[in-house]
Protein backbone atom coordinates (compact mmCIF):
# COMPACT_ATOMS: atom_id res chain seq x y z
CA UNK A 1 2.26 -48.04 6.67
CA UNK A 2 -0.89 -45.27 7.24
CA UNK A 3 -3.82 -45.84 5.00
CA UNK A 4 -4.59 -42.45 2.94
CA UNK A 5 -7.51 -41.40 1.27
CA UNK A 6 -7.78 -38.59 -1.25
CA UNK A 7 -10.63 -36.29 -0.94
CA UNK A 8 -11.00 -33.89 -4.38
CA UNK A 9 -9.86 -35.13 -7.79
CA UNK A 10 -9.79 -31.81 -9.24
CA UNK A 11 -6.61 -30.56 -10.33
CA UNK A 12 -4.72 -30.22 -7.08
CA UNK A 13 -6.20 -32.91 -6.37
CA UNK A 14 -4.93 -35.40 -8.91
CA UNK A 15 -1.35 -33.69 -8.30
CA UNK A 16 -1.81 -34.84 -4.72
CA UNK A 17 -2.99 -38.25 -6.04
CA UNK A 18 0.31 -38.51 -7.98
CA UNK A 19 2.47 -38.09 -5.15
CA UNK A 20 0.24 -40.58 -2.81
CA UNK A 21 1.00 -43.01 -5.67
CA UNK A 22 5.04 -42.63 -5.31
CA UNK A 23 4.57 -42.31 -1.72
CA UNK A 24 2.94 -45.75 -1.65
CA UNK A 25 5.27 -47.56 -3.85
CA UNK A 26 8.41 -46.19 -1.33
CA UNK A 27 6.33 -48.13 1.61
CA UNK A 28 4.83 -45.21 3.23
CA UNK A 29 1.30 -45.17 2.60
CA UNK A 30 -1.46 -47.67 1.27
CA UNK A 31 -3.78 -45.94 -0.73
CA UNK A 32 -7.10 -46.90 0.28
CA UNK A 33 -9.92 -45.04 -1.70
CA UNK A 34 -10.77 -41.80 -3.59
CA UNK A 35 -13.60 -39.30 -3.03
CA UNK A 36 -15.05 -36.85 -5.68
CA UNK A 37 -18.53 -36.04 -5.83
CA UNK A 38 -18.23 -36.26 -9.94
CA UNK A 39 -17.87 -40.14 -10.41
CA UNK A 40 -16.39 -39.35 -14.05
CA UNK A 41 -13.03 -38.32 -12.57
CA UNK A 42 -12.70 -42.07 -11.43
CA UNK A 43 -10.61 -42.50 -14.55
CA UNK A 44 -7.23 -42.65 -15.80
CA UNK A 45 -6.87 -39.33 -17.86
CA UNK A 46 -3.73 -37.64 -17.75
CA UNK A 47 -3.28 -34.51 -15.43
CA UNK A 48 -2.08 -30.93 -17.12
CA UNK A 49 -1.38 -28.38 -14.00
CA UNK A 50 0.59 -25.30 -14.33
CA UNK A 51 1.97 -25.42 -11.28
CA UNK A 52 5.88 -26.65 -11.05
CA UNK A 53 5.82 -29.78 -9.03
CA UNK A 54 2.76 -31.42 -10.63
CA UNK A 55 3.13 -33.44 -13.61
CA UNK A 56 1.23 -35.21 -15.99
CA UNK A 57 0.30 -39.10 -15.35
CA UNK A 58 -2.51 -41.59 -15.39
CA UNK A 59 -3.21 -43.94 -12.63
CA UNK A 60 -4.67 -47.19 -12.40
CA UNK A 61 -8.03 -46.38 -10.15
CA UNK A 62 -8.84 -49.81 -10.11
CA UNK A 63 -6.40 -50.38 -7.74
CA UNK A 64 -8.44 -48.37 -4.62
CA UNK A 65 -12.35 -48.19 -4.02
CA UNK A 66 -14.05 -44.57 -5.17
CA UNK A 67 -16.64 -42.74 -3.10
CA UNK A 68 -18.50 -39.93 -4.13
CA UNK A 69 -19.85 -39.11 -0.32
CA UNK A 70 -17.03 -37.99 2.50
CA UNK A 71 -19.46 -39.93 4.43
CA UNK A 72 -19.31 -42.63 2.86
CA UNK A 73 -15.75 -42.53 2.80
CA UNK A 74 -15.30 -42.55 6.68
CA UNK A 75 -18.38 -45.05 6.86
CA UNK A 76 -16.23 -47.69 5.06
CA UNK A 77 -12.65 -47.23 5.12
CA UNK A 78 -10.53 -47.22 8.16
CA UNK A 79 -7.61 -44.51 7.50
CA UNK A 80 -5.13 -42.77 9.31
CA UNK A 81 -4.54 -39.76 7.03
CA UNK A 82 -6.70 -37.79 4.29
CA UNK A 83 -5.66 -34.86 1.85
CA UNK A 84 -8.40 -32.66 1.41
CA UNK A 85 -8.35 -30.65 -2.33
CA UNK A 86 -11.66 -29.37 -2.72
CA UNK A 87 -13.02 -25.69 -2.93
CA UNK A 88 -12.44 -23.31 -0.27
CA UNK A 89 -15.52 -22.83 1.15
CA UNK A 90 -15.96 -26.93 1.87
CA UNK A 91 -12.36 -27.05 3.99
CA UNK A 92 -13.58 -26.83 7.11
CA UNK A 93 -16.77 -28.36 7.58
CA UNK A 94 -14.81 -31.71 5.58
CA UNK A 95 -11.67 -31.35 8.22
CA UNK A 96 -13.61 -31.20 11.31
CA UNK A 97 -15.58 -34.46 10.26
CA UNK A 98 -12.41 -36.36 9.31
CA UNK A 99 -10.53 -35.41 12.65
CA UNK A 100 -14.00 -36.47 14.88
CA UNK A 101 -13.75 -39.42 12.76
CA UNK A 102 -10.61 -40.41 14.22
CA UNK A 103 -8.48 -39.45 11.04
CA UNK A 104 -5.48 -37.16 10.51
CA UNK A 105 -5.67 -34.89 8.19
CA UNK A 106 -3.97 -32.60 5.30
CA UNK A 107 -5.54 -29.62 3.94
CA UNK A 108 -4.94 -27.80 0.74
CA UNK A 109 -4.39 -23.70 1.60
CA UNK A 110 -6.41 -21.89 2.24
CA UNK A 111 -6.63 -23.28 5.82
CA UNK A 112 -10.82 -21.69 5.29
CA UNK A 113 -12.23 -18.13 4.21
CA UNK A 114 -12.16 -17.25 8.13
CA UNK A 115 -9.94 -17.33 11.05
CA UNK A 116 -13.03 -18.46 13.27
CA UNK A 117 -13.41 -21.62 11.00
CA UNK A 118 -9.49 -21.81 10.93
CA UNK A 119 -10.15 -21.91 15.06
CA UNK A 120 -12.96 -24.82 14.52
CA UNK A 121 -10.62 -26.86 12.79
CA UNK A 122 -7.86 -26.36 15.08
CA UNK A 123 -9.91 -27.29 17.77
CA UNK A 124 -11.37 -30.32 16.12
CA UNK A 125 -7.59 -31.31 15.99
CA UNK A 126 -6.93 -31.36 19.47
CA UNK A 127 -10.27 -33.01 20.77
CA UNK A 128 -9.33 -35.76 19.33
CA UNK A 129 -5.92 -35.69 19.09
CA UNK A 130 -4.98 -35.57 15.75
CA UNK A 131 -2.58 -33.71 13.54
CA UNK A 132 -4.14 -31.20 10.76
CA UNK A 133 -1.88 -29.62 8.85
CA UNK A 134 -2.34 -27.34 6.04
CA UNK A 135 -1.19 -26.89 2.37
CA UNK A 136 1.07 -23.66 2.61
CA UNK A 137 3.50 -25.43 0.02
CA UNK A 138 6.05 -23.10 -0.29
CA UNK A 139 7.13 -24.01 3.28
CA UNK A 140 8.53 -26.79 1.55
CA UNK A 141 9.82 -25.27 -1.60
CA UNK A 142 13.77 -25.30 -2.40
CA UNK A 143 13.65 -21.56 -3.31
CA UNK A 144 11.54 -20.12 -0.54
CA UNK A 145 13.81 -22.52 2.32
CA UNK A 146 16.91 -21.03 1.45
CA UNK A 147 15.45 -17.66 1.78
CA UNK A 148 14.10 -18.81 5.22
CA UNK A 149 17.46 -20.18 6.51
CA UNK A 150 18.93 -16.50 5.42
CA UNK A 151 16.49 -15.10 7.55
CA UNK A 152 17.12 -17.53 10.41
CA UNK A 153 21.54 -16.66 9.67
CA UNK A 154 20.78 -13.70 10.77
CA UNK A 155 19.45 -14.34 14.28
CA UNK A 156 22.56 -16.64 14.81
CA UNK A 157 25.71 -15.61 16.57
CA UNK A 158 27.91 -18.62 15.64
CA UNK A 159 28.97 -18.84 12.05
CA UNK A 160 29.08 -22.88 12.67
CA UNK A 161 25.48 -23.37 13.04
CA UNK A 162 24.30 -21.40 10.06
CA UNK A 163 22.62 -23.37 7.12
CA UNK A 164 25.26 -20.97 4.75
CA UNK A 165 28.24 -20.58 6.79
CA UNK A 166 29.93 -19.00 3.74
CA UNK A 167 27.54 -16.38 3.51
CA UNK A 168 26.86 -13.84 5.97
CA UNK A 169 24.48 -11.18 4.68
CA UNK A 170 23.40 -9.44 7.92
CA UNK A 171 19.77 -8.65 8.89
CA UNK A 172 17.25 -8.59 5.89
CA UNK A 173 15.81 -5.06 5.78
CA UNK A 174 13.18 -4.93 2.70
CA UNK A 175 11.47 -7.34 0.41
CA UNK A 176 9.16 -8.03 -1.90
CA UNK A 177 7.27 -10.93 -3.50
CA UNK A 178 4.91 -11.55 -6.38
CA UNK A 179 2.98 -13.73 -8.07
CA UNK A 180 0.41 -13.94 -10.84
CA UNK A 181 -1.08 -15.71 -13.77
CA UNK A 182 -4.25 -16.21 -15.13
CA UNK A 183 -7.70 -16.35 -13.84
CA UNK A 184 -9.52 -19.96 -13.24
CA UNK A 185 -11.37 -21.14 -16.53
CA UNK A 186 -13.76 -23.73 -16.95
CA UNK A 187 -17.21 -24.32 -16.07
CA UNK A 188 -15.77 -26.60 -13.28
CA UNK A 189 -13.94 -24.55 -11.70
CA UNK A 190 -16.59 -21.76 -11.59
CA UNK A 191 -16.63 -21.51 -7.87
CA UNK A 192 -13.17 -19.59 -7.83
CA UNK A 193 -15.16 -16.64 -9.36
CA UNK A 194 -17.34 -15.92 -6.24
CA UNK A 195 -15.53 -14.34 -3.51
CA UNK A 196 -17.92 -16.15 -0.98
CA UNK A 197 -16.70 -19.78 -2.26
CA UNK A 198 -12.86 -18.68 -2.98
CA UNK A 199 -11.93 -15.22 -1.37
CA UNK A 200 -10.95 -14.49 -4.91
CA UNK A 201 -7.32 -13.82 -5.85
CA UNK A 202 -6.36 -12.55 -2.06
CA UNK A 203 -7.30 -15.58 -0.84
CA UNK A 204 -6.50 -18.54 -3.16
CA UNK A 205 -3.08 -17.45 -4.59
CA UNK A 206 -2.10 -14.25 -3.12
CA UNK A 207 -2.19 -16.36 0.28
CA UNK A 208 1.48 -18.33 -0.57
CA UNK A 209 3.27 -15.02 -0.43
CA UNK A 210 0.93 -14.14 2.37
CA UNK A 211 2.11 -17.07 4.60
CA UNK A 212 5.33 -16.77 3.39
CA UNK A 213 6.03 -13.39 4.94
CA UNK A 214 4.44 -14.47 8.06
CA UNK A 215 6.92 -17.53 8.16
CA UNK A 216 10.16 -15.77 7.29
CA UNK A 217 9.24 -12.47 9.25
CA UNK A 218 6.29 -12.99 11.71
CA UNK A 219 3.10 -11.32 11.95
CA UNK A 220 2.94 -7.83 11.08
CA UNK A 221 0.92 -5.19 13.01
CA UNK A 222 -0.82 -4.05 10.27
CA UNK A 223 -1.50 -3.67 6.55
CA UNK A 224 -1.96 -0.82 4.21
CA UNK A 225 -3.28 -2.66 1.22
CA UNK A 226 -4.87 -1.74 -2.44
CA UNK A 227 -7.15 -4.15 -4.61
CA UNK A 228 -8.84 -3.94 -7.58
CA UNK A 229 -11.54 -6.15 -9.80
CA UNK A 230 -10.69 -6.00 -12.97
CA UNK A 231 -12.44 -8.95 -14.45
CA UNK A 232 -16.57 -8.40 -15.61
CA UNK A 233 -18.93 -10.75 -15.74
CA UNK A 234 -22.65 -11.79 -15.37
CA UNK A 235 -21.36 -15.38 -13.33
CA UNK A 236 -18.35 -13.54 -11.70
CA UNK A 237 -17.88 -12.04 -8.39
CA UNK A 238 -14.52 -12.97 -7.21
CA UNK A 239 -13.54 -9.88 -5.57
CA UNK A 240 -10.28 -8.32 -6.22
CA UNK A 241 -8.38 -9.48 -9.02
CA UNK A 242 -5.15 -7.56 -7.89
CA UNK A 243 -3.91 -6.81 -4.53
CA UNK A 244 -0.64 -5.00 -3.35
CA UNK A 245 0.05 -4.83 0.14
CA UNK A 246 2.73 -2.86 2.71
CA UNK A 247 3.32 -5.39 5.89
CA UNK A 248 3.92 -2.93 8.61
CA UNK A 249 6.44 -3.83 11.33
CA UNK A 250 7.58 -2.40 14.43
CA UNK A 251 11.55 -2.58 13.18
CA UNK A 252 10.51 -0.70 10.06
CA UNK A 253 11.49 -3.77 7.58
CA UNK A 254 9.88 -2.82 4.08
CA UNK A 255 7.64 -5.78 3.19
CA UNK A 256 5.57 -5.58 0.30
CA UNK A 257 3.25 -8.24 -1.89
CA UNK A 258 1.52 -8.08 -5.02
CA UNK A 259 -1.00 -10.70 -6.71
CA UNK A 260 -2.50 -10.33 -10.08
CA UNK A 261 -4.62 -13.45 -11.31
CA UNK A 262 -5.69 -11.59 -15.16
CA UNK A 263 -2.42 -12.06 -16.60
CA UNK A 264 -3.77 -14.04 -19.41
CA UNK A 265 -1.52 -15.77 -21.95
CA UNK A 266 1.43 -15.34 -19.25
CA UNK A 267 1.36 -18.62 -17.71
CA UNK A 268 1.65 -18.95 -13.78
CA UNK A 269 4.57 -16.47 -12.31
CA UNK A 270 6.35 -16.10 -9.09
CA UNK A 271 9.23 -14.05 -7.54
CA UNK A 272 10.99 -12.85 -4.73
CA UNK A 273 13.48 -10.34 -4.30
CA UNK A 274 14.88 -9.57 -0.48
CA UNK A 275 17.21 -7.01 0.38
CA UNK A 276 19.79 -7.94 3.32
CA UNK A 277 22.63 -5.40 4.82
CA UNK A 278 25.46 -7.42 2.86
CA UNK A 279 23.63 -8.36 0.13
CA UNK A 280 19.80 -9.86 -1.63
CA UNK A 281 18.68 -13.06 -2.45
CA UNK A 282 16.60 -12.74 -5.59
CA UNK A 283 14.12 -15.98 -7.12
CA UNK A 284 13.92 -14.36 -10.71
CA UNK A 285 10.82 -14.58 -12.47
CA UNK A 286 8.88 -17.46 -14.21
CA UNK A 287 10.00 -19.94 -10.94
CA UNK A 288 13.61 -19.29 -11.93
CA UNK A 289 16.27 -20.29 -9.17
CA UNK A 290 17.22 -18.66 -6.05
CA UNK A 291 20.48 -16.53 -6.22
CA UNK A 292 22.31 -14.64 -3.17
CA UNK A 293 23.77 -11.22 -5.19
CA UNK A 294 26.33 -10.14 -2.63
CA UNK A 295 27.09 -6.59 -2.03
CA UNK A 296 31.39 -7.22 -2.51
CA UNK A 297 30.31 -9.10 -6.23
CA UNK A 298 30.91 -12.43 -5.04
CA UNK A 299 27.55 -14.18 -6.00
CA UNK A 300 26.41 -17.67 -4.89
CA UNK A 301 23.56 -20.31 -5.71
CA UNK A 302 22.70 -22.22 -2.43
CA UNK A 303 22.15 -25.22 -2.77
CA UNK A 304 18.80 -27.07 -2.04
CA UNK A 305 16.30 -29.65 -2.02
CA UNK A 306 14.37 -29.42 -5.79
CA UNK A 307 12.00 -32.30 -4.80
CA UNK A 308 8.35 -32.03 -5.68
CA UNK A 309 7.31 -29.47 -2.54
CA UNK A 310 3.67 -31.01 -2.73
CA UNK A 311 5.17 -34.30 -2.27
CA UNK A 312 7.52 -33.21 0.81
CA UNK A 313 4.99 -31.88 2.39
CA UNK A 314 2.69 -34.82 2.82
CA UNK A 315 6.08 -36.98 3.60
CA UNK A 316 6.42 -34.61 6.52
CA UNK A 317 3.13 -35.39 7.68
CA UNK A 318 3.22 -38.90 7.37
CA UNK A 319 6.68 -38.71 9.60
CA UNK A 320 4.93 -36.91 11.97
CA UNK A 321 2.12 -39.01 12.49
CA UNK A 322 4.40 -41.88 12.66
CA UNK A 323 6.46 -40.30 15.20
CA UNK A 324 4.45 -38.21 17.28
CA UNK A 325 6.43 -35.53 16.88
CA UNK A 326 6.13 -31.71 16.73
CA UNK A 327 4.80 -29.74 13.33
CA UNK A 328 7.94 -27.27 13.86
CA UNK A 329 7.33 -26.28 9.92
CA UNK A 330 3.94 -26.21 9.40
CA UNK A 331 1.48 -26.12 12.52
CA UNK A 332 -2.21 -25.01 11.70
CA UNK A 333 -2.12 -22.17 14.00
CA UNK A 334 0.59 -20.49 11.53
CA UNK A 335 -2.04 -21.07 8.55
CA UNK A 336 -4.96 -19.51 11.13
CA UNK A 337 -2.61 -16.53 11.56
CA UNK A 338 -2.22 -15.99 7.94
CA UNK A 339 -5.57 -16.19 7.32
CA UNK A 340 -6.16 -13.57 9.98
CA UNK A 341 -3.47 -11.19 8.17
CA UNK A 342 -6.07 -12.25 4.88
CA UNK A 343 -8.62 -10.76 6.58
CA UNK A 344 -7.04 -7.42 7.40
CA UNK A 345 -5.65 -7.27 3.94
CA UNK A 346 -9.72 -7.28 2.53
CA UNK A 347 -10.52 -5.07 5.49
CA UNK A 348 -7.72 -2.16 4.15
CA UNK A 349 -8.83 -2.93 0.46
CA UNK A 350 -12.47 -2.36 1.13
CA UNK A 351 -11.56 0.70 3.14
CA UNK A 352 -9.41 2.15 -0.05
CA UNK A 353 -6.00 1.47 1.57
CA UNK A 354 -6.67 2.38 4.88
CA UNK A 355 -4.09 1.30 7.67
CA UNK A 356 -5.85 -1.88 9.31
CA UNK A 357 -4.55 -3.69 12.54
CA UNK A 358 -3.87 -7.36 12.51
CA UNK A 359 -5.71 -8.89 15.35
């Protein structure tokens, strides 16, 4: 059983706390300690979060140690794994600090605000022989793993080896990805409002679909993006609040993604539509399930694991640590490459939609 710690008890942190408690009940980890700069967070209050997979739970905070300093946590606890769920601009330095202390790290997305910081994190993991994984959770999300399997199936000639042998859609030709919702509000979330801390809508929310495009279709050679700042305020400078990007590939596949975090009153929303040679795969608006719609009218609802993806990603990392296995789903280099794509998108937005090469 691995000794685990949690750094950060905001909205995402309390979601991870729920899953660590579940993993402890399953005998996979022993939650030794939690850390947050605000000691009022060490209370048995309910969590309310607007993303599927994060529930509303109360926890017995007397069952693990409390720290308000990462340095004190590292100095006083012998940990095998730490989950980091703190503001984005703090990811790199705190992940490196834990890796240098010999602790495996699961850090929330985005990996960091710059690919240079991502490289620092990867180097620290290599130097210390520890795992580093980033919370690009859609790689474990049922509706998106369905799409991944179907994209991969297009590369397999043998139907017996396909994830869905009764579905033969052919090659993917085009895709559209969207997510949106209300911008973060409340005094404890004001770090989101400053691009030098959160990266704004593009780094914090749009990053999920960028990572999916990277996972499904590989690194684009260039991007063409337009962004708008839609929110005005004396204490608000988050950069782009809405973005639309076209991803340019050598094989002319047509891929676009959009994001808007000014959809106040609509709740959180995500969807995709991907067209293949002989049909389409659609995840409906407002988190509907994935459906395959074939050109010959034989619609199919593929089976997939609908369990909590946030739970599954941490469980996957625990398995890697225990088996010394290779991370084939979500290696940190992939998360770094996603940041490189985002950097190109921001530059393209700054240049009013000029095509920018992904480097």
